[in-house]
Amino acid sequence: MNEFSIGILYIVPTPIGNLRDITHRALEMLKKVDIIAAENIRHTNILLQHFNIKNHLILMNKDNEKKQSDNLIQKLKKGKKIALVSNAGTPIINDPGGLLVKKCHFFNIKVIPLPGPCAAITALSASGIISNRFCYEGFLPSKKKPRCDLLYSLRKETRTIIFYESKHRILESIEDIIKQIDQNRHIVIAREITKKWESIYRAKANLMLQWLKTDKYRYKGEIVIILDGFKKLKTQDISEKTFNTFLMLRKFLSLKTSVLITSQIHEINKNILYQYVIKKESDKII
């Protein structure tokens, strides 16, 4: 059966920066469908004009998603073929469209996803951080308390964690990662992926903050944060020299302060050192 003989919703990824990243199949769908449902009509028109594509666009964004989803379902029931696109990248990933897809499944309307660009996956592939197990958390909350609460809840997440962040909050977010998770956790900042000013930089959280602060252009544009997962305690991570430093400080200071200062002197994870010390105490070694 010809795939255009029944109503179908196509999920069509578009370039996240470099227009040459669009696939031949995506261009074919944008030409052949009856309607393109776009998150931003003006933005999508730029793409269509670049490839000399003329088609009917309708707006579907976060503000009108519920109403427009019902409208599009009716058109799909009548046999229309619709392409769903976001401003950039793979639709629905942190963009509107999820409700429409859910309704399509409810009404047994076929949904065909096309593969294509995604900033999170593209950045992960170049991060140098473990990529076989990861979780995507979308944009970090804009307000400090919800952001800190989320980060604290992820402090022992062993999978690599991916966030999106804006240039306006990136410094605050890195500061909160340092406070709520670990100053020594490795971070990759991938900025403006596939665009002219693309940059990918990796460092421990505290050093990343310093690096960003030295040049405001290092956090301009669209940003992906790749955060290394929590590493479970390994005895060999604590050297004899490190432990001796802790014992010396512990004679004069509290446990918490001794751990903090020792972790800063030897640039190790304070949580790992703390767990190591507690284990030693439980074993009645100290």
C-alpha atoms as a PDB file:
ATOM      1  CA  MET A   1       0.000   0.000   0.000  1.00  0.00           C
ATOM      2  CA  ASN A   2       1.267   3.486  -0.818  1.00  0.00           C
ATOM      3  CA  GLU A   3       2.255   5.214   2.417  1.00  0.00           C
ATOM      4  CA  PHE A   4       0.330   8.331   1.312  1.00  0.00           C
ATOM      5  CA  SER A   5      -3.024   6.504   0.978  1.00  0.00           C
ATOM      6  CA  ILE A   6      -3.973   6.961   4.661  1.00  0.00           C
ATOM      7  CA  GLY A   7      -3.562   9.682   7.260  1.00  0.00           C
ATOM      8  CA  ILE A   8      -0.072   9.634   8.761  1.00  0.00           C
ATOM      9  CA  LEU A   9       1.813  11.824  11.201  1.00  0.00           C
ATOM     10  CA  TYR A  10       5.507  12.175  10.351  1.00  0.00           C
ATOM     11  CA  ILE A  11       7.960  13.280  13.049  1.00  0.00           C
ATOM     12  CA  VAL A  12      10.517  15.228  11.000  1.00  0.00           C
ATOM     13  CA  PRO A  13      13.803  16.353  12.612  1.00  0.00           C
ATOM     14  CA  THR A  14      15.366  19.542  11.268  1.00  0.00           C
ATOM     15  CA  PRO A  15      18.956  20.824  11.563  1.00  0.00           C
ATOM     16  CA  ILE A  16      20.116  22.178  14.923  1.00  0.00           C
ATOM     17  CA  GLY A  17      22.399  24.651  13.195  1.00  0.00           C
ATOM     18  CA  ASN A  18      23.976  23.588   9.935  1.00  0.00           C
ATOM     19  CA  LEU A  19      21.243  23.343   7.282  1.00  0.00           C
ATOM     20  CA  ARG A  20      23.238  20.727   5.375  1.00  0.00           C
ATOM     21  CA  ASP A  21      22.472  18.253   8.169  1.00  0.00           C
ATOM     22  CA  ILE A  22      18.913  17.729   6.944  1.00  0.00           C
ATOM     23  CA  THR A  23      18.281  14.341   5.347  1.00  0.00           C
ATOM     24  CA  HIS A  24      16.972  13.672   1.846  1.00  0.00           C
ATOM     25  CA  ARG A  25      14.038  11.828   3.392  1.00  0.00           C
ATOM     26  CA  ALA A  26      13.144  14.805   5.623  1.00  0.00           C
ATOM     27  CA  LEU A  27      13.138  17.116   2.593  1.00  0.00           C
ATOM     28  CA  GLU A  28      10.942  14.651   0.707  1.00  0.00           C
ATOM     29  CA  MET A  29       8.406  14.542   3.545  1.00  0.00           C
ATOM     30  CA  LEU A  30       8.305  18.341   3.891  1.00  0.00           C
ATOM     31  CA  LYS A  31       7.500  18.563   0.185  1.00  0.00           C
ATOM     32  CA  LYS A  32       4.906  15.779   0.005  1.00  0.00           C
ATOM     33  CA  VAL A  33       2.806  16.136   3.147  1.00  0.00           C
ATOM     34  CA  ASP A  34      -0.435  18.114   3.112  1.00  0.00           C
ATOM     35  CA  ILE A  35       0.378  20.162   6.199  1.00  0.00           C
ATOM     36  CA  ILE A  36       3.456  21.073   8.224  1.00  0.00           C
ATOM     37  CA  ALA A  37       2.727  21.635  11.923  1.00  0.00           C
ATOM     38  CA  ALA A  38       5.489  23.975  13.096  1.00  0.00           C
ATOM     39  CA  GLU A  39       6.499  25.241  16.513  1.00  0.00           C
ATOM     40  CA  ASN A  40       7.451  28.560  14.926  1.00  0.00           C
ATOM     41  CA  ILE A  41       6.180  29.364  11.431  1.00  0.00           C
ATOM     42  CA  ARG A  42       8.688  32.129  10.750  1.00  0.00           C
ATOM     43  CA  HIS A  43      11.610  29.940  11.773  1.00  0.00           C
ATOM     44  CA  THR A  44      10.409  26.963   9.718  1.00  0.00           C
ATOM     45  CA  ASN A  45       9.805  29.200   6.698  1.00  0.00           C
ATOM     46  CA  ILE A  46      13.497  30.078   6.676  1.00  0.00           C
ATOM     47  CA  LEU A  47      14.314  26.388   6.319  1.00  0.00           C
ATOM     48  CA  LEU A  48      11.688  25.796   3.633  1.00  0.00           C
ATOM     49  CA  GLN A  49      12.771  28.817   1.602  1.00  0.00           C
ATOM     50  CA  HIS A  50      16.390  27.662   1.742  1.00  0.00           C
ATOM     51  CA  PHE A  51      15.387  24.399   0.061  1.00  0.00           C
ATOM     52  CA  ASN A  52      12.744  25.959  -2.214  1.00  0.00           C
ATOM     53  CA  ILE A  53       9.887  24.125  -0.530  1.00  0.00           C
ATOM     54  CA  LYS A  54       6.373  25.535  -0.563  1.00  0.00           C
ATOM     55  CA  ASN A  55       3.766  23.993   1.688  1.00  0.00           C
ATOM     56  CA  HIS A  56       0.933  24.843   4.055  1.00  0.00           C
ATOM     57  CA  LEU A  57       2.099  25.593   7.615  1.00  0.00           C
ATOM     58  CA  ILE A  58       0.056  25.788  10.771  1.00  0.00           C
ATOM     59  CA  LEU A  59       1.281  26.825  14.205  1.00  0.00           C
ATOM     60  CA  MET A  60       1.447  24.329  17.052  1.00  0.00           C
ATOM     61  CA  ASN A  61       3.333  25.511  20.109  1.00  0.00           C
ATOM     62  CA  LYS A  62       3.085  25.046  23.858  1.00  0.00           C
ATOM     63  CA  ASP A  63       0.335  27.657  24.110  1.00  0.00           C
ATOM     64  CA  ASN A  64      -2.094  26.085  21.640  1.00  0.00           C
ATOM     65  CA  GLU A  65      -0.950  22.441  21.711  1.00  0.00           C
ATOM     66  CA  LYS A  66      -4.146  21.008  23.198  1.00  0.00           C
ATOM     67  CA  LYS A  67      -6.519  22.784  20.819  1.00  0.00           C
ATOM     68  CA  GLN A  68      -4.309  22.288  17.773  1.00  0.00           C
ATOM     69  CA  SER A  69      -3.784  18.600  18.540  1.00  0.00           C
ATOM     70  CA  ASP A  70      -7.553  18.043  18.346  1.00  0.00           C
ATOM     71  CA  ASN A  71      -7.659  19.981  15.074  1.00  0.00           C
ATOM     72  CA  LEU A  72      -4.828  17.959  13.555  1.00  0.00           C
ATOM     73  CA  ILE A  73      -6.363  14.669  14.662  1.00  0.00           C
ATOM     74  CA  GLN A  74      -9.495  15.518  12.701  1.00  0.00           C
ATOM     75  CA  LYS A  75      -7.402  16.225   9.618  1.00  0.00           C
ATOM     76  CA  LEU A  76      -5.466  12.981  10.051  1.00  0.00           C
ATOM     77  CA  LYS A  77      -8.738  11.051  10.346  1.00  0.00           C
ATOM     78  CA  LYS A  78      -9.717  12.467   6.969  1.00  0.00           C
ATOM     79  CA  GLY A  79      -6.551  11.080   5.388  1.00  0.00           C
ATOM     80  CA  LYS A  80      -4.259  14.095   5.591  1.00  0.00           C
ATOM     81  CA  LYS A  81      -0.504  13.573   5.859  1.00  0.00           C
ATOM     82  CA  ILE A  82       1.096  15.883   8.396  1.00  0.00           C
ATOM     83  CA  ALA A  83       4.734  16.607   9.221  1.00  0.00           C
ATOM     84  CA  LEU A  84       5.517  17.733  12.753  1.00  0.00           C
ATOM     85  CA  VAL A  85       8.609  19.935  13.107  1.00  0.00           C
ATOM     86  CA  SER A  86      10.123  21.900  15.971  1.00  0.00           C
ATOM     87  CA  ASN A  87      12.391  24.945  15.794  1.00  0.00           C
ATOM     88  CA  ALA A  88      15.414  22.679  15.517  1.00  0.00           C
ATOM     89  CA  GLY A  89      16.361  19.068  16.116  1.00  0.00           C
ATOM     90  CA  THR A  90      14.052  16.143  16.794  1.00  0.00           C
ATOM     91  CA  PRO A  91      10.470  17.208  17.618  1.00  0.00           C
ATOM     92  CA  ILE A  92       8.874  16.452  21.001  1.00  0.00           C
ATOM     93  CA  ILE A  93      12.248  16.193  22.785  1.00  0.00           C
ATOM     94  CA  ASN A  94      11.682  19.190  25.078  1.00  0.00           C
ATOM     95  CA  ASP A  95       9.293  20.623  22.468  1.00  0.00           C
ATOM     96  CA  PRO A  96       5.521  20.477  21.877  1.00  0.00           C
ATOM     97  CA  GLY A  97       3.973  17.518  20.064  1.00  0.00           C
ATOM     98  CA  GLY A  98       3.798  14.787  22.675  1.00  0.00           C
ATOM     99  CA  LEU A  99       0.055  15.215  23.158  1.00  0.00           C
ATOM    100  CA  LEU A 100      -0.572  14.913  19.423  1.00  0.00           C
ATOM    101  CA  VAL A 101       1.418  11.683  19.221  1.00  0.00           C
ATOM    102  CA  LYS A 102      -0.442  10.293  22.230  1.00  0.00           C
ATOM    103  CA  LYS A 103      -3.784  11.049  20.565  1.00  0.00           C
ATOM    104  CA  CYS A 104      -2.582   9.425  17.333  1.00  0.00           C
ATOM    105  CA  HIS A 105      -1.935   6.182  19.199  1.00  0.00           C
ATOM    106  CA  PHE A 106      -5.330   6.413  20.887  1.00  0.00           C
ATOM    107  CA  PHE A 107      -7.094   6.751  17.523  1.00  0.00           C
ATOM    108  CA  ASN A 108      -4.837   4.193  15.788  1.00  0.00           C
ATOM    109  CA  ILE A 109      -3.354   6.813  13.475  1.00  0.00           C
ATOM    110  CA  LYS A 110       0.034   5.797  12.155  1.00  0.00           C
ATOM    111  CA  VAL A 111       3.061   7.720  13.449  1.00  0.00           C
ATOM    112  CA  ILE A 112       6.304   7.529  11.473  1.00  0.00           C
ATOM    113  CA  PRO A 113       9.425   9.006  13.075  1.00  0.00           C
ATOM    114  CA  LEU A 114      12.369  10.036  10.900  1.00  0.00           C
ATOM    115  CA  PRO A 115      15.889   9.900  12.363  1.00  0.00           C
ATOM    116  CA  GLY A 116      17.837  13.096  12.511  1.00  0.00           C
ATOM    117  CA  PRO A 117      19.634  15.756  14.548  1.00  0.00           C
ATOM    118  CA  CYS A 118      19.384  15.967  18.329  1.00  0.00           C
ATOM    119  CA  ALA A 119      21.633  18.328  20.304  1.00  0.00           C
ATOM    120  CA  ALA A 120      21.742  16.088  23.381  1.00  0.00           C
ATOM    121  CA  ILE A 121      22.918  12.982  21.515  1.00  0.00           C
ATOM    122  CA  THR A 122      25.278  14.919  19.246  1.00  0.00           C
ATOM    123  CA  ALA A 123      26.946  16.526  22.261  1.00  0.00           C
ATOM    124  CA  LEU A 124      27.122  13.220  24.149  1.00  0.00           C
ATOM    125  CA  SER A 125      28.945  11.544  21.267  1.00  0.00           C
ATOM    126  CA  ALA A 126      31.757  14.105  21.506  1.00  0.00           C
ATOM    127  CA  SER A 127      31.886  14.409  25.297  1.00  0.00           C
ATOM    128  CA  GLY A 128      34.400  11.721  26.161  1.00  0.00           C
ATOM    129  CA  ILE A 129      32.069  10.740  29.015  1.00  0.00           C
ATOM    130  CA  ILE A 130      30.498   7.261  29.275  1.00  0.00           C
ATOM    131  CA  SER A 131      27.694   7.125  26.729  1.00  0.00           C
ATOM    132  CA  ASN A 132      26.266   3.603  26.977  1.00  0.00           C
ATOM    133  CA  ARG A 133      24.115   4.566  29.987  1.00  0.00           C
ATOM    134  CA  PHE A 134      22.670   8.057  30.280  1.00  0.00           C
ATOM    135  CA  CYS A 135      19.565   9.984  31.284  1.00  0.00           C
ATOM    136  CA  TYR A 136      18.168  13.170  29.777  1.00  0.00           C
ATOM    137  CA  GLU A 137      16.762  15.779  32.177  1.00  0.00           C
ATOM    138  CA  GLY A 138      15.899  18.556  29.707  1.00  0.00           C
ATOM    139  CA  PHE A 139      16.255  22.161  30.859  1.00  0.00           C
ATOM    140  CA  LEU A 140      17.245  22.696  34.459  1.00  0.00           C
ATOM    141  CA  PRO A 141      14.574  24.574  36.470  1.00  0.00           C
ATOM    142  CA  SER A 142      14.936  28.339  36.144  1.00  0.00           C
ATOM    143  CA  LYS A 143      14.377  28.985  39.861  1.00  0.00           C
ATOM    144  CA  LYS A 144      17.154  28.206  42.305  1.00  0.00           C
ATOM    145  CA  LYS A 145      15.369  26.001  44.861  1.00  0.00           C
ATOM    146  CA  PRO A 146      13.762  23.590  42.344  1.00  0.00           C
ATOM    147  CA  ARG A 147      17.069  23.482  40.466  1.00  0.00           C
ATOM    148  CA  CYS A 148      19.046  22.680  43.621  1.00  0.00           C
ATOM    149  CA  ASP A 149      16.471  20.083  44.692  1.00  0.00           C
ATOM    150  CA  LEU A 150      16.714  18.349  41.321  1.00  0.00           C
ATOM    151  CA  LEU A 151      20.511  18.377  41.324  1.00  0.00           C
ATOM    152  CA  TYR A 152      20.642  17.031  44.876  1.00  0.00           C
ATOM    153  CA  SER A 153      18.302  14.201  43.893  1.00  0.00           C
ATOM    154  CA  LEU A 154      20.712  13.300  41.079  1.00  0.00           C
ATOM    155  CA  ARG A 155      23.878  13.385  43.169  1.00  0.00           C
ATOM    156  CA  LYS A 156      24.172   9.567  43.202  1.00  0.00           C
ATOM    157  CA  GLU A 157      22.833   8.928  39.694  1.00  0.00           C
ATOM    158  CA  THR A 158      25.403   6.557  38.185  1.00  0.00           C
ATOM    159  CA  ARG A 159      24.381   7.211  34.579  1.00  0.00           C
ATOM    160  CA  THR A 160      25.744  10.119  32.570  1.00  0.00           C
ATOM    161  CA  ILE A 161      23.302  13.037  32.895  1.00  0.00           C
ATOM    162  CA  ILE A 162      22.368  15.430  30.078  1.00  0.00           C
ATOM    163  CA  PHE A 163      20.874  18.881  30.629  1.00  0.00           C
ATOM    164  CA  TYR A 164      20.006  21.818  28.433  1.00  0.00           C
ATOM    165  CA  GLU A 165      20.722  25.273  29.814  1.00  0.00           C
ATOM    166  CA  SER A 166      20.480  28.893  28.724  1.00  0.00           C
ATOM    167  CA  LYS A 167      23.337  31.367  28.621  1.00  0.00           C
ATOM    168  CA  HIS A 168      21.561  33.461  31.269  1.00  0.00           C
ATOM    169  CA  ARG A 169      21.685  30.738  33.939  1.00  0.00           C
ATOM    170  CA  ILE A 170      24.702  28.618  33.060  1.00  0.00           C
ATOM    171  CA  LEU A 171      27.014  30.121  35.706  1.00  0.00           C
ATOM    172  CA  GLU A 172      24.406  29.718  38.439  1.00  0.00           C
ATOM    173  CA  SER A 173      23.713  26.163  37.346  1.00  0.00           C
ATOM    174  CA  ILE A 174      27.389  25.176  37.431  1.00  0.00           C
ATOM    175  CA  GLU A 175      27.676  26.747  40.903  1.00  0.00           C
ATOM    176  CA  ASP A 176      24.690  24.685  42.024  1.00  0.00           C
ATOM    177  CA  ILE A 177      26.201  21.514  40.534  1.00  0.00           C
ATOM    178  CA  ILE A 178      29.332  22.194  42.584  1.00  0.00           C
ATOM    179  CA  LYS A 179      27.320  22.709  45.787  1.00  0.00           C
ATOM    180  CA  GLN A 180      24.696  20.004  45.353  1.00  0.00           C
ATOM    181  CA  ILE A 181      26.701  17.297  43.594  1.00  0.00           C
ATOM    182  CA  ASP A 182      30.485  17.632  43.593  1.00  0.00           C
ATOM    183  CA  GLN A 183      33.102  20.187  42.632  1.00  0.00           C
ATOM    184  CA  ASN A 184      35.292  17.423  41.195  1.00  0.00           C
ATOM    185  CA  ARG A 185      32.637  15.854  38.960  1.00  0.00           C
ATOM    186  CA  HIS A 186      33.600  16.036  35.289  1.00  0.00           C
ATOM    187  CA  ILE A 187      31.440  18.259  33.095  1.00  0.00           C
ATOM    188  CA  VAL A 188      31.354  18.900  29.359  1.00  0.00           C
ATOM    189  CA  ILE A 189      29.894  22.139  28.038  1.00  0.00           C
ATOM    190  CA  ALA A 190      28.891  21.748  24.377  1.00  0.00           C
ATOM    191  CA  ARG A 191      27.892  25.088  22.899  1.00  0.00           C
ATOM    192  CA  GLU A 192      26.362  26.001  19.535  1.00  0.00           C
ATOM    193  CA  ILE A 193      26.631  22.428  18.222  1.00  0.00           C
ATOM    194  CA  THR A 194      27.027  22.272  14.391  1.00  0.00           C
ATOM    195  CA  LYS A 195      27.125  26.081  14.178  1.00  0.00           C
ATOM    196  CA  LYS A 196      29.960  28.462  13.329  1.00  0.00           C
ATOM    197  CA  TRP A 197      30.995  29.099  16.942  1.00  0.00           C
ATOM    198  CA  GLU A 198      30.700  25.484  18.101  1.00  0.00           C
ATOM    199  CA  SER A 199      32.846  24.630  21.124  1.00  0.00           C
ATOM    200  CA  ILE A 200      33.157  21.567  23.352  1.00  0.00           C
ATOM    201  CA  TYR A 201      35.090  21.836  26.619  1.00  0.00           C
ATOM    202  CA  ARG A 202      35.609  19.319  29.401  1.00  0.00           C
ATOM    203  CA  ALA A 203      36.770  19.968  32.965  1.00  0.00           C
ATOM    204  CA  LYS A 204      35.974  19.283  36.598  1.00  0.00           C
ATOM    205  CA  ALA A 205      33.022  21.365  37.802  1.00  0.00           C
ATOM    206  CA  ASN A 206      35.065  23.875  39.809  1.00  0.00           C
ATOM    207  CA  LEU A 207      37.544  24.391  36.970  1.00  0.00           C
ATOM    208  CA  MET A 208      34.702  24.636  34.454  1.00  0.00           C
ATOM    209  CA  LEU A 209      33.202  27.512  36.417  1.00  0.00           C
ATOM    210  CA  GLN A 210      36.526  29.347  36.415  1.00  0.00           C
ATOM    211  CA  TRP A 211      36.956  28.730  32.677  1.00  0.00           C
ATOM    212  CA  LEU A 212      33.500  30.079  31.869  1.00  0.00           C
ATOM    213  CA  LYS A 213      33.958  33.170  34.031  1.00  0.00           C
ATOM    214  CA  THR A 214      37.128  34.248  32.229  1.00  0.00           C
ATOM    215  CA  ASP A 215      35.301  34.847  28.933  1.00  0.00           C
ATOM    216  CA  LYS A 216      31.569  35.514  28.552  1.00  0.00           C
ATOM    217  CA  TYR A 217      31.673  34.292  24.951  1.00  0.00           C
ATOM    218  CA  ARG A 218      32.359  30.797  26.264  1.00  0.00           C
ATOM    219  CA  TYR A 219      28.714  30.505  27.310  1.00  0.00           C
ATOM    220  CA  LYS A 220      26.900  32.348  24.557  1.00  0.00           C
ATOM    221  CA  GLY A 221      24.306  30.521  22.481  1.00  0.00           C
ATOM    222  CA  GLU A 222      22.592  27.165  22.997  1.00  0.00           C
ATOM    223  CA  ILE A 223      24.220  24.962  25.622  1.00  0.00           C
ATOM    224  CA  VAL A 224      24.236  21.260  26.445  1.00  0.00           C
ATOM    225  CA  ILE A 225      25.671  20.126  29.788  1.00  0.00           C
ATOM    226  CA  ILE A 226      27.010  16.579  29.991  1.00  0.00           C
ATOM    227  CA  LEU A 227      27.621  15.524  33.609  1.00  0.00           C
ATOM    228  CA  ASP A 228      29.599  12.437  34.538  1.00  0.00           C
ATOM    229  CA  GLY A 229      27.687   9.932  36.646  1.00  0.00           C
ATOM    230  CA  PHE A 230      28.342   9.121  40.285  1.00  0.00           C
ATOM    231  CA  LYS A 231      31.186   6.680  40.829  1.00  0.00           C
ATOM    232  CA  LYS A 232      30.687   4.284  43.695  1.00  0.00           C
ATOM    233  CA  LEU A 233      33.303   4.209  46.414  1.00  0.00           C
ATOM    234  CA  LYS A 234      36.521   2.408  45.558  1.00  0.00           C
ATOM    235  CA  THR A 235      39.061   1.884  48.328  1.00  0.00           C
ATOM    236  CA  GLN A 236      41.968   2.480  45.982  1.00  0.00           C
ATOM    237  CA  ASP A 237      40.683   6.016  45.308  1.00  0.00           C
ATOM    238  CA  ILE A 238      41.969   7.073  48.760  1.00  0.00           C
ATOM    239  CA  SER A 239      45.750   7.090  48.961  1.00  0.00           C
ATOM    240  CA  GLU A 240      47.710   6.663  52.172  1.00  0.00           C
ATOM    241  CA  LYS A 241      48.944  10.235  51.848  1.00  0.00           C
ATOM    242  CA  THR A 242      45.385  11.538  51.619  1.00  0.00           C
ATOM    243  CA  PHE A 243      44.250   9.518  54.611  1.00  0.00           C
ATOM    244  CA  ASN A 244      47.209  10.684  56.697  1.00  0.00           C
ATOM    245  CA  THR A 245      46.287  14.287  55.923  1.00  0.00           C
ATOM    246  CA  PHE A 246      42.783  13.618  57.164  1.00  0.00           C
ATOM    247  CA  LEU A 247      44.058  11.977  60.392  1.00  0.00           C
ATOM    248  CA  MET A 248      46.283  14.947  61.124  1.00  0.00           C
ATOM    249  CA  LEU A 249      43.454  17.432  60.628  1.00  0.00           C
ATOM    250  CA  ARG A 250      41.015  15.289  62.589  1.00  0.00           C
ATOM    251  CA  LYS A 251      43.076  15.812  65.749  1.00  0.00           C
ATOM    252  CA  PHE A 252      42.088  19.474  65.746  1.00  0.00           C
ATOM    253  CA  LEU A 253      38.933  19.764  63.621  1.00  0.00           C
ATOM    254  CA  SER A 254      35.494  18.218  63.224  1.00  0.00           C
ATOM    255  CA  LEU A 255      34.950  15.229  60.966  1.00  0.00           C
ATOM    256  CA  LYS A 256      33.102  17.303  58.368  1.00  0.00           C
ATOM    257  CA  THR A 257      35.727  20.064  58.287  1.00  0.00           C
ATOM    258  CA  SER A 258      38.595  17.571  58.164  1.00  0.00           C
ATOM    259  CA  VAL A 259      37.020  15.785  55.206  1.00  0.00           C
ATOM    260  CA  LEU A 260      36.330  19.059  53.398  1.00  0.00           C
ATOM    261  CA  ILE A 261      39.865  20.419  53.797  1.00  0.00           C
ATOM    262  CA  THR A 262      41.473  17.088  52.897  1.00  0.00           C
ATOM    263  CA  SER A 263      39.348  16.798  49.734  1.00  0.00           C
ATOM    264  CA  GLN A 264      40.399  20.311  48.693  1.00  0.00           C
ATOM    265  CA  ILE A 265      44.100  19.697  49.387  1.00  0.00           C
ATOM    266  CA  HIS A 266      44.207  16.458  47.406  1.00  0.00           C
ATOM    267  CA  GLU A 267      41.491  17.388  44.873  1.00  0.00           C
ATOM    268  CA  ILE A 268      39.335  14.357  45.490  1.00  0.00           C
ATOM    269  CA  ASN A 269      35.599  13.836  45.857  1.00  0.00           C
ATOM    270  CA  LYS A 270      34.641  14.833  49.402  1.00  0.00           C
ATOM    271  CA  ASN A 271      31.709  12.402  49.398  1.00  0.00           C
ATOM    272  CA  ILE A 272      33.967   9.487  48.515  1.00  0.00           C
ATOM    273  CA  LEU A 273      36.425  10.489  51.244  1.00  0.00           C
ATOM    274  CA  TYR A 274      33.609  10.841  53.752  1.00  0.00           C
ATOM    275  CA  GLN A 275      32.253   7.386  52.915  1.00  0.00           C
ATOM    276  CA  TYR A 276      35.759   5.958  53.194  1.00  0.00           C
ATOM    277  CA  VAL A 277      36.255   7.549  56.611  1.00  0.00           C
ATOM    278  CA  ILE A 278      32.875   6.329  57.877  1.00  0.00           C
ATOM    279  CA  LYS A 279      33.712   2.826  56.713  1.00  0.00           C
ATOM    280  CA  LYS A 280      37.036   3.012  58.556  1.00  0.00           C
ATOM    281  CA  GLU A 281      35.227   4.112  61.700  1.00  0.00           C
ATOM    282  CA  SER A 282      32.705   1.300  61.403  1.00  0.00           C
ATOM    283  CA  ASP A 283      35.629  -1.122  61.071  1.00  0.00           C
ATOM    284  CA  LYS A 284      37.117   0.467  64.214  1.00  0.00           C
ATOM    285  CA  ILE A 285      40.267   1.421  62.368  1.00  0.00           C
ATOM    286  CA  ILE A 286      40.061   5.051  63.483  1.00  0.00           C
END
